[in-house]
Amino acid sequence: MAAQFHVGQRVRWNSEAGHVEGVIVKKRTRDVEYKGHTRHCSEEDPQYEIKSDKTGHVAMHKGGALTKL
């Protein structure tokens, strides 16, 4: 199981543009439609909405894609 994170925590992830840093704004534990795709989430394998510090863009990733800062 991937590391668990919490809302307000600062993290880093890799995007097409390189490494991005931001803050977790929401933890998803149920399947959700996100940007036209179904994202599969559960209590055991949540996904996180993260707001980029630089651009304000919101991305969604599994815990395995995130690194704590």
N, C-alpha and C. Protein backbone atom coordinates (compact mmCIF):
# COMPACT_ATOMS: atom_id res chain seq x y z
N MET A 1 0.85 -1.18 0.00
CA MET A 1 0.00 0.00 0.00
C MET A 1 0.89 1.25 0.00
N ALA A 2 0.48 2.25 -0.74
CA ALA A 2 1.24 3.50 -0.84
C ALA A 2 1.11 4.31 0.45
N ALA A 3 2.01 5.26 0.61
CA ALA A 3 1.98 6.14 1.77
C ALA A 3 0.66 6.91 1.82
N GLN A 4 0.20 7.19 3.03
CA GLN A 4 -1.02 7.97 3.21
C GLN A 4 -0.64 9.44 3.44
N PHE A 5 -1.41 10.32 2.87
CA PHE A 5 -1.19 11.76 2.99
C PHE A 5 -2.45 12.40 3.57
N HIS A 6 -2.36 13.66 3.94
CA HIS A 6 -3.53 14.35 4.48
C HIS A 6 -3.69 15.73 3.85
N VAL A 7 -4.90 16.26 3.93
CA VAL A 7 -5.20 17.59 3.39
C VAL A 7 -4.31 18.61 4.08
N GLY A 8 -3.73 19.51 3.28
CA GLY A 8 -2.85 20.54 3.79
C GLY A 8 -1.37 20.18 3.72
N GLN A 9 -1.08 18.92 3.44
CA GLN A 9 0.31 18.47 3.38
C GLN A 9 0.95 18.89 2.06
N ARG A 10 2.23 19.30 2.13
CA ARG A 10 2.98 19.68 0.93
C ARG A 10 3.63 18.45 0.33
N VAL A 11 3.49 18.33 -1.00
CA VAL A 11 4.03 17.16 -1.72
C VAL A 11 4.66 17.60 -3.03
N ARG A 12 5.37 16.66 -3.65
CA ARG A 12 5.97 16.85 -4.97
C ARG A 12 5.54 15.68 -5.84
N TRP A 13 5.35 15.95 -7.13
CA TRP A 13 5.05 14.88 -8.09
C TRP A 13 5.66 15.22 -9.42
N ASN A 14 5.75 14.22 -10.28
CA ASN A 14 6.35 14.40 -11.60
C ASN A 14 5.24 14.60 -12.63
N SER A 15 5.35 15.64 -13.44
CA SER A 15 4.38 15.89 -14.51
C SER A 15 5.12 15.95 -15.84
N GLU A 16 4.38 16.16 -16.91
CA GLU A 16 5.01 16.28 -18.23
C GLU A 16 6.02 17.42 -18.26
N ALA A 17 5.79 18.44 -17.44
CA ALA A 17 6.66 19.62 -17.42
C ALA A 17 7.80 19.51 -16.41
N GLY A 18 7.91 18.37 -15.72
CA GLY A 18 8.94 18.21 -14.70
C GLY A 18 8.33 18.08 -13.33
N HIS A 19 9.15 18.22 -12.30
CA HIS A 19 8.66 18.10 -10.94
C HIS A 19 7.83 19.32 -10.54
N VAL A 20 6.72 19.04 -9.86
CA VAL A 20 5.80 20.08 -9.42
C VAL A 20 5.60 19.93 -7.92
N GLU A 21 5.49 21.05 -7.22
CA GLU A 21 5.21 21.04 -5.79
C GLU A 21 3.88 21.71 -5.53
N GLY A 22 3.18 21.21 -4.52
CA GLY A 22 1.90 21.79 -4.19
C GLY A 22 1.36 21.27 -2.88
N VAL A 23 0.08 21.58 -2.65
CA VAL A 23 -0.58 21.24 -1.39
C VAL A 23 -1.80 20.36 -1.69
N ILE A 24 -1.97 19.32 -0.90
CA ILE A 24 -3.14 18.45 -1.04
C ILE A 24 -4.38 19.22 -0.58
N VAL A 25 -5.38 19.28 -1.45
CA VAL A 25 -6.61 20.01 -1.12
C VAL A 25 -7.79 19.08 -0.85
N LYS A 26 -7.70 17.81 -1.30
CA LYS A 26 -8.80 16.87 -1.06
C LYS A 26 -8.30 15.45 -1.19
N LYS A 27 -8.78 14.59 -0.30
CA LYS A 27 -8.48 13.16 -0.35
C LYS A 27 -9.74 12.44 -0.83
N ARG A 28 -9.63 11.67 -1.91
CA ARG A 28 -10.78 10.96 -2.49
C ARG A 28 -10.71 9.49 -2.11
N THR A 29 -11.80 8.95 -1.56
CA THR A 29 -11.84 7.55 -1.15
C THR A 29 -12.97 6.78 -1.84
N ARG A 30 -13.66 7.42 -2.77
CA ARG A 30 -14.69 6.77 -3.57
C ARG A 30 -14.46 7.13 -5.03
N ASP A 31 -14.88 6.23 -5.93
CA ASP A 31 -14.73 6.50 -7.37
C ASP A 31 -15.33 7.85 -7.71
N VAL A 32 -14.67 8.58 -8.60
CA VAL A 32 -15.11 9.93 -8.95
C VAL A 32 -14.82 10.20 -10.42
N GLU A 33 -15.69 10.97 -11.06
CA GLU A 33 -15.43 11.46 -12.42
C GLU A 33 -14.53 12.67 -12.28
N TYR A 34 -13.40 12.65 -12.97
CA TYR A 34 -12.45 13.74 -12.88
C TYR A 34 -11.89 14.03 -14.26
N LYS A 35 -12.18 15.21 -14.75
CA LYS A 35 -11.71 15.65 -16.07
C LYS A 35 -12.05 14.64 -17.16
N GLY A 36 -13.29 14.14 -17.10
CA GLY A 36 -13.79 13.25 -18.14
C GLY A 36 -13.44 11.78 -18.00
N HIS A 37 -12.80 11.42 -16.89
CA HIS A 37 -12.40 10.03 -16.68
C HIS A 37 -12.83 9.57 -15.29
N THR A 38 -13.16 8.28 -15.17
CA THR A 38 -13.47 7.73 -13.86
C THR A 38 -12.17 7.40 -13.15
N ARG A 39 -11.99 7.96 -11.96
CA ARG A 39 -10.81 7.67 -11.14
C ARG A 39 -11.25 6.71 -10.05
N HIS A 40 -10.61 5.57 -9.96
CA HIS A 40 -10.97 4.54 -9.00
C HIS A 40 -10.22 4.79 -7.69
N CYS A 41 -10.98 5.02 -6.64
CA CYS A 41 -10.42 5.35 -5.33
C CYS A 41 -11.10 4.49 -4.27
N SER A 42 -10.40 4.24 -3.18
CA SER A 42 -10.97 3.51 -2.05
C SER A 42 -10.27 3.98 -0.78
N GLU A 43 -10.79 3.52 0.38
CA GLU A 43 -10.14 3.85 1.65
C GLU A 43 -8.71 3.31 1.66
N GLU A 44 -8.51 2.11 1.08
CA GLU A 44 -7.20 1.49 1.07
C GLU A 44 -6.27 2.08 0.01
N ASP A 45 -6.84 2.63 -1.05
CA ASP A 45 -6.04 3.18 -2.16
C ASP A 45 -6.64 4.52 -2.61
N PRO A 46 -6.52 5.55 -1.77
CA PRO A 46 -7.12 6.85 -2.12
C PRO A 46 -6.33 7.57 -3.21
N GLN A 47 -6.97 8.58 -3.78
CA GLN A 47 -6.29 9.50 -4.68
C GLN A 47 -6.42 10.89 -4.08
N TYR A 48 -5.50 11.76 -4.46
CA TYR A 48 -5.41 13.08 -3.85
C TYR A 48 -5.48 14.17 -4.90
N GLU A 49 -6.27 15.20 -4.61
CA GLU A 49 -6.28 16.40 -5.45
C GLU A 49 -5.23 17.34 -4.87
N ILE A 50 -4.32 17.79 -5.74
CA ILE A 50 -3.22 18.63 -5.30
C ILE A 50 -3.20 19.90 -6.13
N LYS A 51 -3.06 21.03 -5.45
CA LYS A 51 -3.00 22.33 -6.13
C LYS A 51 -1.54 22.76 -6.26
N SER A 52 -1.12 23.01 -7.49
CA SER A 52 0.26 23.43 -7.77
C SER A 52 0.55 24.79 -7.16
N ASP A 53 1.70 24.91 -6.50
CA ASP A 53 2.12 26.20 -5.94
C ASP A 53 2.35 27.23 -7.04
N LYS A 54 2.91 26.80 -8.15
CA LYS A 54 3.33 27.73 -9.20
C LYS A 54 2.17 28.19 -10.08
N THR A 55 1.32 27.25 -10.52
CA THR A 55 0.28 27.60 -11.49
C THR A 55 -1.13 27.64 -10.94
N GLY A 56 -1.35 27.01 -9.78
CA GLY A 56 -2.69 26.91 -9.24
C GLY A 56 -3.51 25.78 -9.86
N HIS A 57 -2.92 25.07 -10.84
CA HIS A 57 -3.58 23.95 -11.49
C HIS A 57 -3.82 22.84 -10.47
N VAL A 58 -4.98 22.17 -10.56
CA VAL A 58 -5.28 21.06 -9.66
C VAL A 58 -5.13 19.75 -10.43
N ALA A 59 -4.35 18.84 -9.86
CA ALA A 59 -4.12 17.52 -10.45
C ALA A 59 -4.60 16.47 -9.45
N MET A 60 -4.83 15.24 -9.94
CA MET A 60 -5.21 14.14 -9.06
C MET A 60 -4.23 12.99 -9.27
N HIS A 61 -3.69 12.48 -8.16
CA HIS A 61 -2.72 11.39 -8.22
C HIS A 61 -2.91 10.41 -7.09
N LYS A 62 -2.45 9.18 -7.31
CA LYS A 62 -2.39 8.19 -6.24
C LYS A 62 -1.21 8.51 -5.34
N GLY A 63 -1.25 7.99 -4.14
CA GLY A 63 -0.18 8.24 -3.18
C GLY A 63 1.19 7.81 -3.67
N GLY A 64 1.27 6.75 -4.49
CA GLY A 64 2.53 6.26 -4.98
C GLY A 64 3.26 7.23 -5.89
N ALA A 65 2.53 8.20 -6.44
CA ALA A 65 3.13 9.20 -7.33
C ALA A 65 3.61 10.43 -6.57
N LEU A 66 3.34 10.47 -5.26
CA LEU A 66 3.64 11.67 -4.48
C LEU A 66 4.82 11.43 -3.53
N THR A 67 5.55 12.53 -3.27
CA THR A 67 6.64 12.52 -2.30
C THR A 67 6.37 13.61 -1.29
N LYS A 68 6.47 13.27 -0.01
CA LYS A 68 6.29 14.27 1.05
C LYS A 68 7.44 15.29 1.03
N LEU A 69 7.11 16.55 1.28
CA LEU A 69 8.16 17.59 1.39
C LEU A 69 8.35 17.97 2.83
